[in-house]
Protein backbone atom coordinates (compact mmCIF):
# COMPACT_ATOMS: atom_id res chain seq x y z
CA MET A 1 -1.57 0.87 10.96
CA SER A 2 0.28 -2.03 9.26
CA ILE A 3 3.31 -2.03 7.62
CA GLY A 4 1.69 -1.63 3.81
CA GLU A 5 -0.14 1.57 5.53
CA VAL A 6 3.04 2.78 7.02
CA LEU A 7 4.54 2.66 3.45
CA ALA A 8 1.56 4.66 1.89
CA HIS A 9 2.12 7.69 4.26
CA LEU A 10 5.50 7.36 3.79
CA ARG A 11 5.98 7.30 -0.28
CA GLY A 12 4.85 10.61 -0.71
CA ASP A 13 7.93 12.10 0.59
CA PHE A 14 10.52 9.03 0.27
CA PRO A 15 9.26 7.10 -3.59
CA ASP A 16 12.03 5.23 -2.48
CA VAL A 17 11.19 2.59 0.86
CA THR A 18 10.23 -0.46 0.47
CA ILE A 19 8.75 -2.57 3.53
CA SER A 20 11.86 -4.49 3.00
CA LYS A 21 13.40 -0.92 4.56
CA LEU A 22 11.48 -0.19 6.88
CA ARG A 23 11.56 -4.14 8.53
CA PHE A 24 15.69 -3.12 8.38
CA LEU A 25 15.58 -0.35 10.29
CA GLU A 26 13.14 -2.42 13.01
CA THR A 27 15.55 -5.16 12.83
CA GLU A 28 18.40 -2.28 13.69
CA GLY A 29 16.36 -0.65 16.40
CA LEU A 30 14.92 2.55 14.99
CA VAL A 31 11.53 1.55 15.38
CA GLU A 32 10.10 -0.84 17.50
CA PRO A 33 5.96 -1.43 16.87
CA ARG A 34 3.73 -3.93 18.72
CA ARG A 35 3.17 -7.38 17.17
CA THR A 36 -0.44 -8.57 17.32
CA PRO A 37 -0.69 -12.35 18.84
CA ALA A 38 -0.59 -13.40 14.80
CA GLY A 39 2.47 -12.09 14.69
CA TYR A 40 1.41 -8.42 12.29
CA ARG A 41 3.21 -5.43 13.37
CA LYS A 42 1.29 -2.37 13.96
CA TYR A 43 2.34 0.95 14.05
CA THR A 44 1.71 4.13 16.18
CA TRP A 45 1.86 7.63 14.91
CA THR A 46 4.71 7.83 16.61
CA ASP A 47 6.68 5.00 15.02
CA VAL A 48 5.44 6.79 11.35
CA ALA A 49 7.50 10.18 13.11
CA ARG A 50 10.26 7.94 14.12
CA LEU A 51 10.55 6.41 10.63
CA ARG A 52 9.80 9.94 8.81
CA TYR A 53 13.42 11.41 11.25
CA VAL A 54 15.82 8.72 10.36
CA LEU A 55 14.24 8.71 6.46
CA THR A 56 15.21 12.38 5.89
CA ALA A 57 18.00 12.56 8.40
CA GLN A 58 19.58 10.10 5.74
CA ARG A 59 18.60 11.36 2.94
CA ASP A 60 19.40 14.67 3.67
CA GLN A 61 22.45 14.79 6.24
CA TYR A 62 23.47 11.44 5.00
CA LEU A 63 23.53 10.79 8.44
CA PRO A 64 24.56 7.53 9.56
CA LEU A 65 22.17 4.89 11.31
CA ARG A 66 24.25 4.70 14.70
CA VAL A 67 24.55 8.54 14.87
CA ILE A 68 20.53 8.70 14.36
CA ARG A 69 20.40 6.12 16.93
CA GLU A 70 21.99 8.34 19.21
CA HIS A 71 20.15 11.60 18.46
CA LEU A 72 16.70 9.75 19.11
CA ALA A 73 17.83 8.16 22.21
CA THR A 74 19.25 11.61 23.50
CA MET A 75 15.48 13.64 22.46
CA GLY A 76 14.13 15.44 25.55
CA ALA A 77 10.28 14.52 23.74
CA PRO A 78 9.19 11.43 22.29
CA LEU A 79 8.66 12.31 18.35
CA THR A 80 5.00 12.60 17.06
CA GLU A 81 2.95 13.08 14.04
CA VAL A 82 -0.49 13.91 13.72
CA GLY A 83 -2.68 11.50 12.46
CA PRO A 84 -6.52 11.48 11.30
CA SER A 85 -8.73 13.43 13.75
CA THR A 86 -10.96 10.21 12.85
CA PRO A 87 -9.27 6.69 12.91
CA GLU A 88 -10.08 5.23 9.71
CA PRO A 89 -10.52 1.23 9.99
CA PRO A 90 -7.76 -1.43 8.74
CA MET A 91 -7.67 -1.37 4.74
CA ALA A 92 -8.95 -5.17 5.05
CA GLU A 93 -11.73 -4.42 7.00
CA VAL A 94 -13.81 -1.93 5.28
CA ARG A 95 -16.85 -3.34 3.98
CA LEU A 96 -19.14 -1.43 2.10
CA SER A 97 -22.78 -1.64 1.21
CA ARG A 98 -23.86 -1.11 -2.88
CA ASP A 99 -24.74 1.77 -2.84
CA GLU A 100 -22.16 3.15 -0.20
CA LEU A 101 -20.19 2.15 -2.82
CA LEU A 102 -21.58 3.64 -5.56
CA SER A 103 -21.58 6.91 -3.23
CA ARG A 104 -18.48 7.00 -2.77
CA SER A 105 -17.05 6.46 -5.65
CA GLY A 106 -18.68 8.60 -8.27
CA LEU A 107 -20.00 5.20 -10.05
CA ASP A 108 -23.56 5.10 -11.84
CA GLU A 109 -24.94 1.56 -11.42
CA ILE A 110 -24.72 0.85 -15.36
CA LEU A 111 -21.24 1.55 -15.28
CA LEU A 112 -20.24 -0.57 -11.39
CA LYS A 113 -22.62 -3.38 -13.07
CA THR A 114 -20.47 -3.26 -16.24
CA LEU A 115 -17.11 -3.25 -14.19
CA GLU A 116 -18.37 -6.56 -12.15
CA GLU A 117 -19.37 -7.98 -15.99
CA TYR A 118 -15.46 -7.95 -17.29
CA GLY A 119 -14.20 -9.15 -12.92
CA LEU A 120 -12.74 -5.50 -12.31
CA ILE A 121 -14.25 -5.61 -9.00
CA ARG A 122 -16.14 -8.01 -7.00
CA ALA A 123 -18.25 -8.36 -4.26
CA ARG A 124 -17.01 -10.76 -1.01
CA ASN A 125 -19.35 -10.10 1.98
CA GLY A 126 -19.28 -6.22 0.74
CA TYR A 127 -17.02 -4.68 -0.90
CA ASP A 128 -14.00 -3.88 0.54
CA ALA A 129 -11.39 -1.24 0.04
CA ASP A 130 -9.62 -3.16 -2.73
CA ALA A 131 -12.79 -2.80 -4.46
CA LEU A 132 -13.25 0.69 -3.76
CA GLU A 133 -10.23 1.82 -4.86
CA VAL A 134 -11.06 0.49 -8.37
CA ALA A 135 -13.83 2.20 -8.57
CA THR A 136 -13.24 5.52 -7.55
CA ALA A 137 -10.15 4.71 -10.24
CA ALA A 138 -12.71 3.69 -13.42
CA ALA A 139 -15.16 6.67 -12.87
CA ARG A 140 -12.27 9.07 -13.15
CA LEU A 141 -11.11 7.25 -15.80
CA ALA A 142 -14.50 7.56 -17.30
CA GLU A 143 -14.48 11.23 -17.76
CA PHE A 144 -11.41 10.55 -19.60
CA GLY A 145 -13.44 8.83 -22.39
CA VAL A 146 -12.24 4.96 -20.26
CA GLU A 147 -14.15 2.43 -20.19
CA PRO A 148 -14.59 -0.98 -18.29
CA ARG A 149 -14.00 -2.58 -21.55
CA HIS A 150 -10.60 -0.68 -21.85
CA LEU A 151 -9.69 -2.31 -18.82
CA ARG A 152 -10.14 -6.25 -19.35
CA ALA A 153 -6.55 -6.26 -20.07
CA GLN A 154 -5.50 -4.82 -16.41
CA ARG A 155 -7.50 -7.34 -15.64
CA ALA A 156 -5.40 -10.00 -17.42
CA ALA A 157 -2.42 -8.56 -16.32
CA ALA A 158 -3.34 -8.78 -12.41
CA ASP A 159 -4.01 -12.27 -12.89
CA ARG A 160 -1.14 -13.22 -14.29
CA GLU A 161 0.78 -11.48 -11.03
CA ILE A 162 -1.13 -13.30 -8.72
CA GLY A 163 -0.04 -16.34 -10.74
CA LEU A 164 3.54 -15.01 -10.34
CA PHE A 165 3.23 -13.72 -6.76
CA SER A 166 1.21 -16.90 -4.96
CA GLN A 167 4.26 -19.12 -6.01
CA LEU A 168 6.21 -16.75 -4.21
CA VAL A 169 4.14 -15.73 -1.38
CA THR A 170 2.60 -19.06 -0.28
CA PRO A 171 6.02 -20.85 0.90
CA LEU A 172 6.52 -18.17 3.70
CA THR A 173 2.50 -18.84 4.32
CA ARG A 174 3.95 -22.45 6.01
CA GLN A 175 6.77 -21.56 7.68
CA ASN A 176 6.49 -20.32 11.50
CA GLY A 177 2.88 -19.89 11.36
CA PRO A 178 1.24 -16.78 12.86
CA SER A 179 4.78 -14.93 11.59
CA GLY A 180 5.53 -16.79 8.01
CA ARG A 181 1.67 -15.57 6.78
CA ALA A 182 2.91 -11.56 8.94
CA ARG A 183 5.88 -12.21 6.61
CA ALA A 184 3.30 -13.10 3.46
CA ALA A 185 1.32 -10.32 4.33
CA ASP A 186 4.28 -8.12 4.00
CA THR A 187 5.80 -9.23 0.84
CA VAL A 188 2.57 -8.90 -0.91
CA HIS A 189 2.46 -5.63 0.05
CA GLU A 190 5.76 -4.94 -1.47
CA LEU A 191 5.51 -6.96 -4.51
CA ALA A 192 2.73 -4.94 -5.57
CA ALA A 193 3.91 -1.90 -4.79
CA LEU A 194 6.78 -2.46 -6.86
CA THR A 195 4.96 -3.55 -9.94
CA GLN A 196 2.55 -0.52 -9.19
CA ARG A 197 6.30 1.27 -10.08
CA VAL A 198 7.27 0.00 -12.91
CA HIS A 199 3.58 0.05 -14.64
CA ALA A 200 3.79 3.98 -13.74
CA ALA A 201 7.41 4.04 -15.10
CA LEU A 202 6.66 2.41 -18.11
CA VAL A 203 3.30 4.49 -19.22
CA ARG A 204 5.07 7.51 -18.26
CA ALA A 205 8.35 6.02 -20.74
CA GLY A 206 5.75 5.45 -24.00
CA LEU A 207 3.35 9.19 -23.34
CA ARG A 208 6.82 10.79 -23.12
CA GLU A 209 7.63 9.22 -25.92
CA ILE A 210 4.28 10.36 -27.51
CA LEU A 211 4.53 13.85 -26.35
CA GLY A 212 8.23 13.91 -28.20
CA LYS A 213 9.53 14.72 -24.22
């Protein structure tokens, strides 16, 4: 798994965890993901189990990292975490045909075409995992009466964030060859996760006011 996929697995139980936190735990020797020739981190389910153990010990027992490291070192058997029985391909490698996208997302052809017209879904040698994410969410939103035209503001907001974040990430891709690109990819994951949290919190806060809570 990539560091972004590990973050997604842990966020349910540890909503405050960030990619920076995962990198810090690595520098402290609490987890040692392997590196690809291009410098990207690759985690196993055992790595995820170690991270879950560390984060739980910090949160529930307030143990310092030194003590947690000692606990891990004295364990008789390595921690393990059960992953999917059939490993899914990395998100960036998902490629779906138009029919596959329609089938997996629950969209119909007319709705998909409208989403494409508004620039919310774009085919790039097929449809990737992000296209599937948008399609699935759009299909569910349509059940509540939310149409693609209502989502145009999301496209505009995303474009503004792309412009802002590209200024932050582009310099990283020029540093230290492949390792710079790997760090840029980690930063993109973290920036996206943080903006999603801000957006969700603002929406929840606004709706609470409407509901009088």
